[in-house]
Amino acid sequence: MKKNNAQNDKQLGNEELIALEQKVGELTAGWQRTQADFQNFRRQTEEDRKKLIRMANIEFLSNILPVLDNFQLAAKHVPAELESNNWVIGVKQIEKQLESILADSGLEKITSTGLQFDPNFHESIESIASDKPENEIVEEITAGYKFGDVVIRPSRVKISSGQ
């Protein structure tokens, strides 16, 4: 009788061991899924954070562009007799410093004069007769800028209508 009880106990022990091993396997698989879900959550959160920072940078840069435009316009209209004035030189230095800071932040000026018109980067405000090929940009009225692959503001240009 004792022998049967020992066999029964041994058999129960094996069944319990198998059940416990299955439970450990289920818990391990659940834990691994939770870990993977958490890693995906962290990755998505980081991507969202980067997108938010990028959008904030684009908004800031688009808000500061009129200030840069005004500096450039002022520098363009300085009378010749004031070109060597220290105050004028100082204002031009501020303009260059602002351009440098914006460039270091990732702002890129869109090149236009002499290129073919591209509606992704340029806004045509006038078509003029010229000896240049049709749709070639003849003059840039307002500089355009981009941040990475996002055009913040297209260049406003005059294009050639051909001959």
Protein backbone atom coordinates (compact mmCIF):
# COMPACT_ATOMS: atom_id res chain seq x y z
CA MET A 1 0.00 0.00 0.00
CA LYS A 2 2.81 2.32 0.84
CA LYS A 3 4.36 1.49 -2.51
CA ASN A 4 1.18 2.54 -4.35
CA ASN A 5 1.01 5.78 -2.37
CA ALA A 6 4.63 6.53 -3.27
CA GLN A 7 3.90 5.88 -6.94
CA ASN A 8 0.76 8.02 -6.77
CA ASP A 9 2.70 10.79 -5.04
CA LYS A 10 5.44 10.51 -7.66
CA GLN A 11 2.86 10.61 -10.46
CA LEU A 12 1.11 13.60 -8.86
CA GLY A 13 4.49 15.29 -8.51
CA ASN A 14 5.23 14.82 -12.22
CA GLU A 15 1.78 16.13 -13.20
CA GLU A 16 2.19 19.12 -10.91
CA LEU A 17 5.67 19.72 -12.28
CA ILE A 18 4.38 19.63 -15.85
CA ALA A 19 1.51 21.98 -14.93
CA LEU A 20 3.92 24.36 -13.22
CA GLU A 21 6.28 24.28 -16.19
CA GLN A 22 3.36 25.12 -18.50
CA LYS A 23 2.34 27.97 -16.20
CA VAL A 24 5.92 29.29 -16.16
CA GLY A 25 5.96 29.12 -19.97
CA GLU A 26 2.66 31.05 -20.19
CA LEU A 27 3.85 33.68 -17.72
CA THR A 28 7.19 34.03 -19.53
CA ALA A 29 5.44 34.47 -22.90
CA GLY A 30 3.11 37.09 -21.36
CA TRP A 31 6.04 38.93 -19.85
CA GLN A 32 7.90 38.88 -23.19
CA ARG A 33 4.82 40.29 -24.98
CA THR A 34 4.55 43.02 -22.36
CA GLN A 35 8.24 43.86 -22.81
CA ALA A 36 7.81 44.05 -26.59
CA ASP A 37 4.71 46.24 -26.19
CA PHE A 38 6.64 48.54 -23.86
CA GLN A 39 9.56 48.80 -26.31
CA ASN A 40 7.10 49.67 -29.10
CA PHE A 41 5.47 52.27 -26.86
CA ARG A 42 8.85 53.84 -26.07
CA ARG A 43 9.80 53.91 -29.75
CA GLN A 44 6.47 55.51 -30.75
CA THR A 45 6.73 58.05 -27.92
CA GLU A 46 10.23 59.02 -29.07
CA GLU A 47 9.04 59.40 -32.69
CA ASP A 48 6.12 61.55 -31.53
CA ARG A 49 8.48 63.71 -29.47
CA LYS A 50 10.77 64.23 -32.47
CA LYS A 51 7.80 65.15 -34.68
CA LEU A 52 6.58 67.65 -32.11
CA ILE A 53 10.01 69.28 -31.84
CA ARG A 54 10.26 69.44 -35.64
CA MET A 55 6.83 71.07 -35.92
CA ALA A 56 7.72 73.59 -33.20
CA ASN A 57 10.98 74.42 -35.01
CA ILE A 58 9.15 74.92 -38.29
CA GLU A 59 6.60 77.20 -36.64
CA PHE A 60 9.31 79.23 -34.91
CA LEU A 61 11.36 79.57 -38.09
CA SER A 62 8.33 80.65 -40.13
CA ASN A 63 7.54 83.30 -37.50
CA ILE A 64 11.11 84.68 -37.54
CA LEU A 65 11.44 84.86 -41.35
CA PRO A 66 9.74 88.31 -41.62
CA VAL A 67 12.41 89.71 -39.27
CA LEU A 68 15.14 88.35 -41.53
CA ASP A 69 13.31 89.75 -44.57
CA ASN A 70 13.19 93.20 -42.98
CA PHE A 71 16.91 93.12 -42.17
CA GLN A 72 17.68 92.14 -45.77
CA LEU A 73 15.34 94.81 -47.15
CA ALA A 74 16.89 97.46 -44.94
CA ALA A 75 20.41 96.44 -46.00
CA LYS A 76 19.37 96.58 -49.66
CA HIS A 77 18.11 100.18 -49.33
CA VAL A 78 21.03 101.77 -47.48
CA PRO A 79 22.08 104.97 -49.30
CA ALA A 80 25.56 104.76 -50.84
CA GLU A 81 26.87 107.62 -48.68
CA LEU A 82 25.96 105.67 -45.50
CA GLU A 83 27.55 102.33 -46.49
CA SER A 84 30.61 102.98 -44.30
CA ASN A 85 28.59 104.30 -41.34
CA ASN A 86 29.32 102.26 -38.18
CA TRP A 87 25.63 102.00 -37.33
CA VAL A 88 24.83 100.57 -40.79
CA ILE A 89 27.75 98.17 -40.53
CA GLY A 90 26.47 97.03 -37.12
CA VAL A 91 22.94 96.41 -38.43
CA LYS A 92 24.38 94.38 -41.33
CA GLN A 93 26.38 92.33 -38.82
CA ILE A 94 23.18 91.63 -36.86
CA GLU A 95 21.58 90.46 -40.12
CA LYS A 96 24.50 88.10 -40.80
CA GLN A 97 24.40 86.80 -37.23
CA LEU A 98 20.66 86.07 -37.52
CA GLU A 99 21.22 84.30 -40.86
CA SER A 100 23.99 82.22 -39.28
CA ILE A 101 21.87 81.23 -36.27
CA LEU A 102 18.96 80.22 -38.50
CA ALA A 103 21.26 78.22 -40.80
CA ASP A 104 22.77 76.44 -37.78
CA SER A 105 19.21 75.59 -36.72
CA GLY A 106 18.65 73.79 -40.02
CA LEU A 107 17.05 76.55 -42.11
CA GLU A 108 18.15 76.38 -45.76
CA LYS A 109 17.69 79.07 -48.37
CA ILE A 110 16.09 77.80 -51.56
CA THR A 111 18.18 78.66 -54.60
CA SER A 112 16.21 79.99 -57.51
CA THR A 113 17.74 82.54 -59.92
CA GLY A 114 18.90 80.84 -63.13
CA LEU A 115 17.05 77.59 -62.36
CA GLN A 116 13.92 76.21 -63.95
CA PHE A 117 10.71 77.08 -62.13
CA ASP A 118 9.63 74.31 -59.73
CA PRO A 119 6.21 74.80 -58.10
CA ASN A 120 7.39 72.72 -55.12
CA PHE A 121 9.96 75.41 -54.24
CA HIS A 122 8.93 78.56 -56.11
CA GLU A 123 5.92 80.82 -56.40
CA SER A 124 5.71 82.72 -59.68
CA ILE A 125 4.44 86.26 -59.26
CA GLU A 126 5.16 87.47 -62.78
CA SER A 127 6.06 86.14 -66.20
CA ILE A 128 8.28 88.48 -68.23
CA ALA A 129 9.65 88.46 -71.77
CA SER A 130 13.31 87.50 -71.73
CA ASP A 131 16.04 85.96 -73.84
CA LYS A 132 16.23 83.18 -71.21
CA PRO A 133 14.52 79.81 -71.81
CA GLU A 134 10.84 79.60 -70.94
CA ASN A 135 10.10 79.07 -67.21
CA GLU A 136 13.65 79.92 -66.16
CA ILE A 137 13.74 82.06 -63.04
CA VAL A 138 14.92 85.54 -63.98
CA GLU A 139 14.63 87.30 -60.62
CA GLU A 140 14.02 86.38 -57.01
CA ILE A 141 11.70 88.83 -55.25
CA THR A 142 11.52 87.12 -51.85
CA ALA A 143 13.83 84.35 -50.71
CA GLY A 144 12.31 80.97 -49.97
CA TYR A 145 13.37 78.67 -47.16
CA LYS A 146 13.07 75.05 -46.19
CA PHE A 147 13.72 73.05 -43.04
CA GLY A 148 14.91 69.59 -43.98
CA ASP A 149 12.48 68.42 -46.63
CA VAL A 150 9.68 70.82 -45.56
CA VAL A 151 9.28 74.05 -47.53
CA ILE A 152 8.53 76.74 -44.98
CA ARG A 153 8.09 79.42 -47.59
CA PRO A 154 8.54 79.14 -51.36
CA SER A 155 10.73 81.65 -53.19
CA ARG A 156 8.65 84.36 -54.86
CA VAL A 157 10.09 84.75 -58.33
CA LYS A 158 9.73 86.23 -61.79
CA ILE A 159 10.02 83.71 -64.62
CA SER A 160 10.86 84.03 -68.27
CA SER A 161 8.04 83.65 -70.78
CA GLY A 162 10.62 83.05 -73.51
CA GLN A 163 10.94 85.28 -76.53
